[in-house]
N, C-alpha and C. Protein backbone atom coordinates (compact mmCIF):
# COMPACT_ATOMS: atom_id res chain seq x y z
N MET A 1 64.70 66.09 184.84
CA MET A 1 65.51 65.46 185.87
C MET A 1 66.97 65.76 185.60
N ASN A 2 67.71 66.13 186.61
CA ASN A 2 69.14 66.37 186.52
C ASN A 2 69.85 65.07 186.82
N LEU A 3 70.28 64.36 185.78
CA LEU A 3 70.82 63.02 185.91
C LEU A 3 72.23 62.98 185.36
N THR A 4 73.15 62.43 186.13
CA THR A 4 74.50 62.20 185.66
C THR A 4 74.63 60.72 185.34
N VAL A 5 75.13 60.41 184.16
CA VAL A 5 75.34 59.02 183.78
C VAL A 5 76.82 58.71 183.96
N ILE A 6 77.10 57.67 184.73
CA ILE A 6 78.46 57.23 185.00
C ILE A 6 78.68 55.98 184.17
N ILE A 7 79.68 56.01 183.29
CA ILE A 7 79.94 54.85 182.44
C ILE A 7 81.26 54.23 182.86
N GLY A 8 81.18 52.96 183.25
CA GLY A 8 82.38 52.21 183.60
C GLY A 8 83.06 52.72 184.85
N MET A 9 84.23 52.19 185.11
CA MET A 9 84.97 52.51 186.33
C MET A 9 85.70 53.85 186.21
N ALA A 10 85.86 54.37 185.01
CA ALA A 10 86.72 55.54 184.81
C ALA A 10 86.10 56.84 185.31
N ALA A 11 84.80 57.01 185.18
CA ALA A 11 84.18 58.31 185.49
C ALA A 11 83.87 58.44 186.97
N LEU A 12 84.90 58.54 187.77
CA LEU A 12 84.72 58.53 189.22
C LEU A 12 84.68 59.92 189.83
N SER A 13 85.09 60.93 189.10
CA SER A 13 85.14 62.27 189.67
C SER A 13 83.76 62.77 190.05
N VAL A 14 82.72 62.17 189.47
CA VAL A 14 81.35 62.58 189.78
C VAL A 14 81.03 62.35 191.26
N VAL A 15 81.56 61.29 191.84
CA VAL A 15 81.19 60.95 193.20
C VAL A 15 82.31 61.17 194.21
N ASN A 16 83.52 61.46 193.78
CA ASN A 16 84.62 61.66 194.72
C ASN A 16 84.28 62.78 195.69
N GLY A 17 84.48 62.48 196.97
CA GLY A 17 84.20 63.47 198.00
C GLY A 17 82.76 63.52 198.46
N SER A 18 81.88 62.76 197.82
CA SER A 18 80.47 62.73 198.20
C SER A 18 80.16 61.45 198.97
N THR A 19 79.13 61.49 199.78
CA THR A 19 78.62 60.28 200.40
C THR A 19 77.63 59.67 199.42
N VAL A 20 77.90 58.44 199.02
CA VAL A 20 77.13 57.79 197.96
C VAL A 20 76.28 56.67 198.55
N ILE A 21 74.99 56.73 198.25
CA ILE A 21 74.06 55.68 198.67
C ILE A 21 73.68 54.89 197.42
N CYS A 22 73.93 53.60 197.45
CA CYS A 22 73.56 52.72 196.35
C CYS A 22 72.15 52.22 196.59
N ALA A 23 71.27 52.44 195.65
CA ALA A 23 69.88 52.00 195.78
C ALA A 23 69.59 50.96 194.71
N PHE A 24 68.88 49.92 195.10
CA PHE A 24 68.43 48.92 194.14
C PHE A 24 67.07 48.43 194.55
N GLY A 25 66.32 47.95 193.58
CA GLY A 25 64.97 47.47 193.84
C GLY A 25 64.35 46.96 192.57
N GLY A 26 63.13 46.53 192.67
CA GLY A 26 62.44 45.92 191.54
C GLY A 26 62.28 46.85 190.35
N SER A 27 62.38 46.26 189.16
CA SER A 27 62.22 47.04 187.94
C SER A 27 60.89 46.72 187.24
N SER A 28 60.02 46.01 187.92
CA SER A 28 58.76 45.61 187.31
C SER A 28 57.89 46.82 186.97
N PRO A 29 57.30 46.81 185.78
CA PRO A 29 56.39 47.91 185.44
C PRO A 29 55.09 47.84 186.24
N LYS A 30 54.88 46.75 186.97
CA LYS A 30 53.66 46.59 187.77
C LYS A 30 53.88 46.90 189.25
N ALA A 31 54.95 47.59 189.59
CA ALA A 31 55.21 47.92 190.99
C ALA A 31 54.03 48.69 191.56
N PRO A 32 53.51 48.29 192.72
CA PRO A 32 52.38 49.00 193.33
C PRO A 32 52.72 50.45 193.68
N ALA A 33 51.72 51.30 193.60
CA ALA A 33 51.89 52.74 193.85
C ALA A 33 52.46 53.03 195.23
N LYS A 34 52.12 52.22 196.25
CA LYS A 34 52.62 52.47 197.60
C LYS A 34 54.14 52.38 197.66
N TYR A 35 54.74 51.48 196.85
CA TYR A 35 56.20 51.36 196.83
C TYR A 35 56.82 52.49 196.02
N ILE A 36 56.15 52.90 194.98
CA ILE A 36 56.65 54.01 194.17
C ILE A 36 56.71 55.28 195.01
N ARG A 37 55.65 55.54 195.78
CA ARG A 37 55.62 56.73 196.66
C ARG A 37 56.76 56.69 197.68
N GLU A 38 56.96 55.52 198.29
CA GLU A 38 58.05 55.40 199.27
C GLU A 38 59.40 55.65 198.61
N ALA A 39 59.59 55.13 197.40
CA ALA A 39 60.85 55.33 196.68
C ALA A 39 61.05 56.80 196.36
N GLN A 40 60.01 57.50 195.93
CA GLN A 40 60.12 58.93 195.64
C GLN A 40 60.48 59.72 196.90
N ASN A 41 59.80 59.41 197.99
CA ASN A 41 60.09 60.11 199.25
C ASN A 41 61.52 59.84 199.72
N LEU A 42 61.98 58.60 199.56
CA LEU A 42 63.34 58.26 199.96
C LEU A 42 64.35 59.00 199.09
N GLY A 43 64.15 59.02 197.78
CA GLY A 43 65.06 59.73 196.88
C GLY A 43 65.19 61.20 197.25
N LYS A 44 64.07 61.82 197.52
CA LYS A 44 64.08 63.24 197.90
C LYS A 44 64.79 63.44 199.24
N ALA A 45 64.50 62.58 200.22
CA ALA A 45 65.13 62.71 201.54
C ALA A 45 66.64 62.51 201.47
N LEU A 46 67.09 61.56 200.67
CA LEU A 46 68.53 61.33 200.55
C LEU A 46 69.20 62.53 199.88
N ALA A 47 68.59 63.06 198.83
CA ALA A 47 69.16 64.23 198.15
C ALA A 47 69.17 65.44 199.08
N GLU A 48 68.14 65.61 199.90
CA GLU A 48 68.09 66.73 200.84
C GLU A 48 69.21 66.64 201.87
N GLN A 49 69.65 65.40 202.18
CA GLN A 49 70.77 65.21 203.10
C GLN A 49 72.11 65.32 202.39
N ASP A 50 72.06 65.70 201.12
CA ASP A 50 73.25 65.90 200.29
C ASP A 50 73.96 64.59 199.96
N PHE A 51 73.24 63.49 199.99
CA PHE A 51 73.79 62.22 199.54
C PHE A 51 73.66 62.14 198.02
N VAL A 52 74.59 61.47 197.40
CA VAL A 52 74.48 61.12 195.99
C VAL A 52 73.82 59.75 195.93
N VAL A 53 72.81 59.62 195.11
CA VAL A 53 72.10 58.34 194.97
C VAL A 53 72.57 57.69 193.67
N ALA A 54 73.18 56.52 193.79
CA ALA A 54 73.65 55.78 192.62
C ALA A 54 72.80 54.53 192.45
N TYR A 55 72.54 54.17 191.22
CA TYR A 55 71.72 53.00 190.96
C TYR A 55 72.09 52.46 189.60
N ALA A 56 71.68 51.23 189.35
CA ALA A 56 71.99 50.58 188.07
C ALA A 56 70.95 50.96 187.03
N ASN A 57 71.10 50.42 185.86
CA ASN A 57 70.34 50.93 184.73
C ASN A 57 68.99 50.29 184.48
N GLU A 58 68.58 49.31 185.23
CA GLU A 58 67.23 48.77 185.04
C GLU A 58 66.30 49.52 185.98
N LEU A 59 65.50 50.39 185.42
CA LEU A 59 64.68 51.22 186.28
C LEU A 59 63.29 50.64 186.47
N GLY A 60 62.32 51.08 185.74
CA GLY A 60 60.94 50.73 186.04
C GLY A 60 60.37 51.83 186.91
N PRO A 61 59.07 51.82 187.16
CA PRO A 61 58.43 52.95 187.84
C PRO A 61 58.93 53.23 189.26
N MET A 62 59.27 52.19 190.02
CA MET A 62 59.70 52.43 191.39
C MET A 62 61.09 53.05 191.43
N MET A 63 62.05 52.44 190.76
CA MET A 63 63.40 52.98 190.75
C MET A 63 63.44 54.32 190.01
N ASP A 64 62.61 54.46 188.99
CA ASP A 64 62.54 55.72 188.27
C ASP A 64 62.04 56.83 189.20
N GLY A 65 61.07 56.51 190.06
CA GLY A 65 60.57 57.49 191.03
C GLY A 65 61.66 57.95 191.97
N LEU A 66 62.46 57.02 192.47
CA LEU A 66 63.57 57.37 193.35
C LEU A 66 64.58 58.24 192.60
N ALA A 67 64.92 57.83 191.37
CA ALA A 67 65.91 58.56 190.57
C ALA A 67 65.43 59.97 190.24
N GLN A 68 64.18 60.11 189.88
CA GLN A 68 63.65 61.43 189.54
C GLN A 68 63.63 62.36 190.76
N ALA A 69 63.24 61.81 191.90
CA ALA A 69 63.18 62.63 193.11
C ALA A 69 64.58 63.11 193.50
N ALA A 70 65.56 62.23 193.46
CA ALA A 70 66.94 62.63 193.77
C ALA A 70 67.49 63.51 192.67
N GLY A 71 67.14 63.20 191.42
CA GLY A 71 67.63 63.96 190.28
C GLY A 71 67.11 65.37 190.23
N SER A 72 65.94 65.60 190.79
CA SER A 72 65.39 66.97 190.79
C SER A 72 66.27 67.90 191.62
N MET A 73 67.13 67.31 192.45
CA MET A 73 68.04 68.10 193.27
C MET A 73 69.49 67.90 192.82
N GLY A 74 69.69 67.29 191.64
CA GLY A 74 71.03 67.11 191.10
C GLY A 74 71.83 66.02 191.78
N LYS A 75 71.16 65.07 192.43
CA LYS A 75 71.86 64.05 193.20
C LYS A 75 71.60 62.64 192.70
N SER A 76 71.29 62.48 191.44
CA SER A 76 70.94 61.18 190.89
C SER A 76 71.98 60.75 189.87
N HIS A 77 72.55 59.58 190.07
CA HIS A 77 73.62 59.10 189.20
C HIS A 77 73.34 57.68 188.74
N LEU A 78 73.23 57.51 187.46
CA LEU A 78 72.97 56.21 186.85
C LEU A 78 74.30 55.59 186.46
N PHE A 79 74.57 54.38 186.96
CA PHE A 79 75.79 53.68 186.60
C PHE A 79 75.51 52.74 185.44
N VAL A 80 76.28 52.88 184.36
CA VAL A 80 76.15 52.00 183.19
C VAL A 80 77.47 51.24 183.06
N PRO A 81 77.43 49.91 183.18
CA PRO A 81 78.67 49.14 183.05
C PRO A 81 79.32 49.35 181.68
N GLU A 82 80.63 49.33 181.67
CA GLU A 82 81.39 49.56 180.44
C GLU A 82 80.98 48.61 179.33
N VAL A 83 80.73 47.35 179.65
CA VAL A 83 80.36 46.37 178.61
C VAL A 83 79.06 46.78 177.92
N GLU A 84 78.14 47.31 178.69
CA GLU A 84 76.85 47.74 178.13
C GLU A 84 77.01 49.02 177.30
N ALA A 85 77.83 49.93 177.79
CA ALA A 85 78.07 51.17 177.05
C ALA A 85 78.77 50.89 175.72
N THR A 86 79.69 49.94 175.72
CA THR A 86 80.39 49.58 174.49
C THR A 86 79.42 49.03 173.46
N ALA A 87 78.54 48.13 173.87
CA ALA A 87 77.55 47.56 172.95
C ALA A 87 76.64 48.66 172.40
N ALA A 88 76.26 49.60 173.25
CA ALA A 88 75.39 50.70 172.79
C ALA A 88 76.12 51.58 171.78
N ARG A 89 77.39 51.90 172.06
CA ARG A 89 78.17 52.71 171.12
C ARG A 89 78.32 52.01 169.77
N GLU A 90 78.43 50.69 169.83
CA GLU A 90 78.60 49.90 168.60
C GLU A 90 77.25 49.54 167.97
N ASN A 91 76.16 50.03 168.56
CA ASN A 91 74.80 49.80 168.06
C ASN A 91 74.51 48.31 167.82
N ARG A 92 74.78 47.52 168.87
CA ARG A 92 74.55 46.08 168.77
C ARG A 92 74.02 45.56 170.10
N ASP A 93 73.43 44.36 170.03
CA ASP A 93 72.95 43.70 171.24
C ASP A 93 74.13 43.12 172.01
N LEU A 94 73.92 42.95 173.29
CA LEU A 94 74.93 42.29 174.11
C LEU A 94 74.98 40.80 173.78
N THR A 95 76.16 40.22 173.83
CA THR A 95 76.27 38.77 173.71
C THR A 95 75.85 38.17 175.06
N PRO A 96 75.51 36.89 175.10
CA PRO A 96 75.18 36.27 176.39
C PRO A 96 76.33 36.41 177.41
N GLU A 97 77.55 36.30 176.95
CA GLU A 97 78.70 36.43 177.85
C GLU A 97 78.80 37.85 178.41
N GLU A 98 78.55 38.83 177.56
CA GLU A 98 78.59 40.22 178.02
C GLU A 98 77.48 40.49 179.02
N SER A 99 76.31 39.90 178.80
CA SER A 99 75.19 40.09 179.74
C SER A 99 75.56 39.62 181.13
N LEU A 100 76.36 38.57 181.21
CA LEU A 100 76.77 38.05 182.52
C LEU A 100 77.74 39.00 183.23
N LEU A 101 78.42 39.85 182.49
CA LEU A 101 79.37 40.78 183.08
C LEU A 101 78.70 42.00 183.72
N ILE A 102 77.48 42.31 183.30
CA ILE A 102 76.82 43.52 183.78
C ILE A 102 76.69 43.55 185.30
N PRO A 103 76.08 42.53 185.94
CA PRO A 103 75.95 42.63 187.40
C PRO A 103 77.30 42.62 188.11
N VAL A 104 78.29 41.96 187.54
CA VAL A 104 79.63 41.93 188.15
C VAL A 104 80.23 43.33 188.13
N GLN A 105 80.14 44.00 186.99
CA GLN A 105 80.70 45.35 186.88
C GLN A 105 79.92 46.34 187.75
N GLN A 106 78.60 46.18 187.80
CA GLN A 106 77.79 47.07 188.66
C GLN A 106 78.22 46.91 190.10
N GLN A 107 78.26 45.68 190.58
CA GLN A 107 78.56 45.46 191.99
C GLN A 107 79.98 45.88 192.34
N LYS A 108 80.91 45.70 191.43
CA LYS A 108 82.29 46.13 191.67
C LYS A 108 82.33 47.64 191.87
N TRP A 109 81.61 48.38 191.02
CA TRP A 109 81.58 49.83 191.15
C TRP A 109 80.90 50.23 192.46
N PHE A 110 79.76 49.62 192.74
CA PHE A 110 79.04 49.95 193.96
C PHE A 110 79.88 49.67 195.20
N ASP A 111 80.57 48.53 195.20
CA ASP A 111 81.41 48.19 196.35
C ASP A 111 82.52 49.21 196.53
N ALA A 112 83.09 49.65 195.43
CA ALA A 112 84.21 50.58 195.52
C ALA A 112 83.79 51.99 195.94
N HIS A 113 82.56 52.40 195.64
CA HIS A 113 82.21 53.81 195.79
C HIS A 113 81.01 54.13 196.67
N CYS A 114 80.26 53.13 197.08
CA CYS A 114 79.05 53.41 197.87
C CYS A 114 79.34 53.30 199.36
N ASP A 115 78.74 54.20 200.11
CA ASP A 115 78.93 54.23 201.56
C ASP A 115 77.84 53.48 202.31
N ALA A 116 76.73 53.21 201.64
CA ALA A 116 75.63 52.44 202.23
C ALA A 116 74.77 51.90 201.08
N PHE A 117 73.99 50.89 201.39
CA PHE A 117 73.11 50.27 200.40
C PHE A 117 71.67 50.31 200.90
N VAL A 118 70.75 50.58 199.98
CA VAL A 118 69.33 50.58 200.32
C VAL A 118 68.61 49.70 199.31
N ALA A 119 67.91 48.69 199.83
CA ALA A 119 67.11 47.81 198.98
C ALA A 119 65.64 48.19 199.09
N LEU A 120 65.06 48.54 197.96
CA LEU A 120 63.62 48.77 197.88
C LEU A 120 62.97 47.42 197.60
N PRO A 121 61.67 47.30 197.70
CA PRO A 121 61.03 46.03 197.37
C PRO A 121 61.39 45.59 195.94
N GLY A 122 61.52 44.29 195.76
CA GLY A 122 61.87 43.76 194.45
C GLY A 122 61.84 42.25 194.45
N GLY A 123 62.36 41.67 193.40
CA GLY A 123 62.34 40.22 193.22
C GLY A 123 63.72 39.60 193.36
N PHE A 124 64.00 38.60 192.52
CA PHE A 124 65.27 37.88 192.63
C PHE A 124 66.49 38.77 192.40
N GLY A 125 66.39 39.72 191.47
CA GLY A 125 67.52 40.61 191.24
C GLY A 125 67.86 41.43 192.49
N THR A 126 66.83 41.90 193.17
CA THR A 126 67.03 42.66 194.41
C THR A 126 67.59 41.77 195.50
N LEU A 127 67.06 40.56 195.59
CA LEU A 127 67.56 39.60 196.59
C LEU A 127 69.04 39.31 196.34
N ASP A 128 69.41 39.18 195.07
CA ASP A 128 70.81 38.96 194.73
C ASP A 128 71.66 40.14 195.16
N GLU A 129 71.19 41.36 194.92
CA GLU A 129 71.93 42.56 195.32
C GLU A 129 72.12 42.62 196.84
N ILE A 130 71.09 42.24 197.58
CA ILE A 130 71.21 42.21 199.05
C ILE A 130 72.30 41.22 199.44
N GLY A 131 72.26 40.03 198.85
CA GLY A 131 73.25 39.00 199.17
C GLY A 131 74.67 39.44 198.84
N VAL A 132 74.86 40.05 197.69
CA VAL A 132 76.20 40.51 197.31
C VAL A 132 76.65 41.64 198.23
N SER A 133 75.73 42.51 198.63
CA SER A 133 76.08 43.59 199.56
C SER A 133 76.53 43.03 200.89
N VAL A 134 75.85 41.99 201.36
CA VAL A 134 76.27 41.34 202.62
C VAL A 134 77.64 40.69 202.44
N PHE A 135 77.86 40.06 201.29
CA PHE A 135 79.16 39.44 201.02
C PHE A 135 80.27 40.49 201.15
N TRP A 136 80.10 41.63 200.48
CA TRP A 136 81.12 42.67 200.55
C TRP A 136 81.24 43.23 201.96
N GLN A 137 80.15 43.26 202.67
CA GLN A 137 80.17 43.71 204.07
C GLN A 137 81.07 42.78 204.89
N LYS A 138 80.96 41.49 204.65
CA LYS A 138 81.77 40.52 205.40
C LYS A 138 83.23 40.54 204.99
N HIS A 139 83.51 40.88 203.76
CA HIS A 139 84.87 40.74 203.23
C HIS A 139 85.51 42.07 202.85
N GLY A 140 85.04 43.12 203.39
CA GLY A 140 85.62 44.41 203.02
C GLY A 140 85.15 45.51 203.93
N LYS A 141 84.62 46.54 203.34
CA LYS A 141 84.18 47.71 204.08
C LYS A 141 82.93 47.41 204.89
N ARG A 142 82.83 48.03 206.03
CA ARG A 142 81.63 47.93 206.85
C ARG A 142 80.71 49.08 206.48
N ARG A 143 79.59 48.75 205.88
CA ARG A 143 78.62 49.76 205.47
C ARG A 143 77.24 49.31 205.89
N LYS A 144 76.37 50.28 206.02
CA LYS A 144 74.99 49.95 206.37
C LYS A 144 74.28 49.39 205.15
N ILE A 145 73.44 48.39 205.41
CA ILE A 145 72.59 47.80 204.38
C ILE A 145 71.16 47.88 204.93
N TRP A 146 70.32 48.65 204.26
CA TRP A 146 68.94 48.83 204.70
C TRP A 146 67.99 48.19 203.70
N CYS A 147 66.96 47.57 204.21
CA CYS A 147 65.84 47.10 203.39
C CYS A 147 64.61 47.92 203.75
N LEU A 148 63.98 48.51 202.74
CA LEU A 148 62.76 49.28 202.97
C LEU A 148 61.61 48.29 203.08
N ASN A 149 61.20 48.04 204.31
CA ASN A 149 60.24 46.99 204.63
C ASN A 149 58.80 47.54 204.68
N VAL A 150 58.39 48.21 203.62
CA VAL A 150 57.06 48.81 203.54
C VAL A 150 56.00 47.69 203.60
N ASN A 151 55.02 47.87 204.46
CA ASN A 151 53.93 46.88 204.62
C ASN A 151 54.44 45.47 204.85
N GLY A 152 55.58 45.35 205.53
CA GLY A 152 56.12 44.03 205.87
C GLY A 152 56.71 43.27 204.69
N TYR A 153 57.07 43.99 203.62
CA TYR A 153 57.56 43.32 202.41
C TYR A 153 58.73 42.38 202.70
N TYR A 154 59.65 42.79 203.57
CA TYR A 154 60.83 41.98 203.87
C TYR A 154 60.72 41.19 205.17
N ASP A 155 59.52 41.05 205.73
CA ASP A 155 59.36 40.29 206.97
C ASP A 155 59.87 38.86 206.84
N GLY A 156 59.62 38.23 205.70
CA GLY A 156 60.07 36.84 205.49
C GLY A 156 61.59 36.72 205.54
N ILE A 157 62.29 37.65 204.93
CA ILE A 157 63.75 37.62 204.96
C ILE A 157 64.27 37.93 206.36
N SER A 158 63.63 38.86 207.03
CA SER A 158 64.02 39.17 208.40
C SER A 158 63.86 37.94 209.30
N SER A 159 62.76 37.22 209.14
CA SER A 159 62.54 36.00 209.93
C SER A 159 63.57 34.93 209.60
N TRP A 160 63.88 34.79 208.31
CA TRP A 160 64.87 33.80 207.90
C TRP A 160 66.24 34.11 208.51
N ILE A 161 66.64 35.40 208.51
CA ILE A 161 67.92 35.78 209.10
C ILE A 161 67.93 35.45 210.59
N SER A 162 66.85 35.77 211.29
CA SER A 162 66.76 35.46 212.73
C SER A 162 66.88 33.96 212.97
N ARG A 163 66.18 33.18 212.18
CA ARG A 163 66.23 31.73 212.34
C ARG A 163 67.63 31.19 212.03
N ALA A 164 68.24 31.69 210.96
CA ALA A 164 69.59 31.24 210.61
C ALA A 164 70.58 31.55 211.73
N MET A 165 70.45 32.70 212.39
CA MET A 165 71.32 33.03 213.52
C MET A 165 71.02 32.11 214.70
N ASN A 166 69.73 31.94 215.00
CA ASN A 166 69.35 31.10 216.14
C ASN A 166 69.79 29.66 215.99
N GLU A 167 69.81 29.17 214.76
CA GLU A 167 70.17 27.76 214.54
C GLU A 167 71.63 27.58 214.15
N GLY A 168 72.42 28.65 214.24
CA GLY A 168 73.86 28.55 214.06
C GLY A 168 74.35 28.56 212.62
N PHE A 169 73.49 28.87 211.67
CA PHE A 169 73.92 28.91 210.27
C PHE A 169 74.50 30.27 209.88
N MET A 170 74.33 31.23 210.73
CA MET A 170 74.78 32.59 210.44
C MET A 170 75.31 33.20 211.73
N LEU A 171 76.46 33.82 211.64
CA LEU A 171 77.01 34.50 212.80
C LEU A 171 76.14 35.72 213.13
N PRO A 172 75.98 36.03 214.42
CA PRO A 172 75.13 37.18 214.78
C PRO A 172 75.55 38.47 214.08
N GLY A 173 76.86 38.72 213.96
CA GLY A 173 77.32 39.94 213.29
C GLY A 173 76.90 39.98 211.83
N ASP A 174 76.91 38.82 211.19
CA ASP A 174 76.48 38.76 209.79
C ASP A 174 74.98 39.02 209.68
N GLY A 175 74.22 38.47 210.59
CA GLY A 175 72.77 38.66 210.56
C GLY A 175 72.36 40.09 210.81
N ARG A 176 73.14 40.79 211.62
CA ARG A 176 72.82 42.19 211.92
C ARG A 176 73.33 43.15 210.84
N ALA A 177 73.98 42.62 209.82
CA ALA A 177 74.48 43.48 208.73
C ALA A 177 73.33 44.14 207.99
N VAL A 178 72.20 43.46 207.93
CA VAL A 178 71.03 43.98 207.21
C VAL A 178 70.05 44.55 208.22
N GLN A 179 69.67 45.81 208.00
CA GLN A 179 68.71 46.45 208.88
C GLN A 179 67.41 46.66 208.11
N PHE A 180 66.31 46.55 208.81
CA PHE A 180 64.99 46.66 208.18
C PHE A 180 64.30 47.90 208.69
N ALA A 181 63.83 48.72 207.76
CA ALA A 181 63.15 49.97 208.10
C ALA A 181 61.71 49.89 207.63
N GLN A 182 60.80 50.37 208.44
CA GLN A 182 59.38 50.34 208.09
C GLN A 182 58.97 51.50 207.20
N SER A 183 59.87 52.49 207.07
CA SER A 183 59.53 53.67 206.27
C SER A 183 60.80 54.31 205.73
N TRP A 184 60.62 55.15 204.73
CA TRP A 184 61.76 55.90 204.19
C TRP A 184 62.34 56.84 205.23
N GLU A 185 61.50 57.36 206.13
CA GLU A 185 61.98 58.27 207.17
C GLU A 185 63.01 57.57 208.07
N GLN A 186 62.75 56.32 208.40
CA GLN A 186 63.65 55.57 209.26
C GLN A 186 65.00 55.37 208.58
N ILE A 187 65.00 55.11 207.28
CA ILE A 187 66.27 54.96 206.55
C ILE A 187 67.00 56.29 206.51
N ALA A 188 66.31 57.35 206.16
CA ALA A 188 66.95 58.67 206.09
C ALA A 188 67.58 59.05 207.43
N LEU A 189 66.88 58.76 208.50
CA LEU A 189 67.41 59.05 209.84
C LEU A 189 68.60 58.16 210.15
N GLY A 190 68.51 56.88 209.79
CA GLY A 190 69.60 55.94 210.06
C GLY A 190 70.86 56.21 209.28
N LEU A 191 70.75 56.91 208.18
CA LEU A 191 71.93 57.20 207.36
C LEU A 191 72.59 58.52 207.72
N LYS A 192 72.00 59.25 208.63
CA LYS A 192 72.57 60.57 208.98
C LYS A 192 73.97 60.48 209.55
N ASP A 193 74.30 59.36 210.19
CA ASP A 193 75.61 59.26 210.87
C ASP A 193 76.69 58.57 210.05
N ILE A 194 76.49 58.45 208.72
CA ILE A 194 77.57 57.81 207.94
C ILE A 194 78.47 58.86 207.34
């Protein structure tokens, strides 16, 4: 796999001038094969469109499939927060306080450099990433946020967003910030115009 590792905020020349898609999803080693296949197909399709695929460092089989597919075309970039890289260089475990900085540093980098976000199926960590992406959407750059809704995985969240808009808890523009795709093909097609 042709993989570029980006450490901290300093190594930005890797993505300057490129369209960067931030991908996140579950890191469970028990991810079903159907999601792994979709992730692989999406990674390949994004790389074929000359997008750079950036992702955080917790992989697992599904995210690894996406990274390998994009990496086979030289378009896979792993972001490692500076706090984590420092601990690794010093050959020590992260402190609890440092562990709390990892998602903050990841999201700060993604917000600064990603042109769109794609959520693969996942758990609470993925749900958190979706929420933070919507937050930055509301308070900064307007970017597409896609959820790969394979086999209706995100139907519950889609229903909740619709209900929140209908009952006045969410502005319609905020609710439409997240788009749901039934396949990787739909996401690849939807990202062509960014």
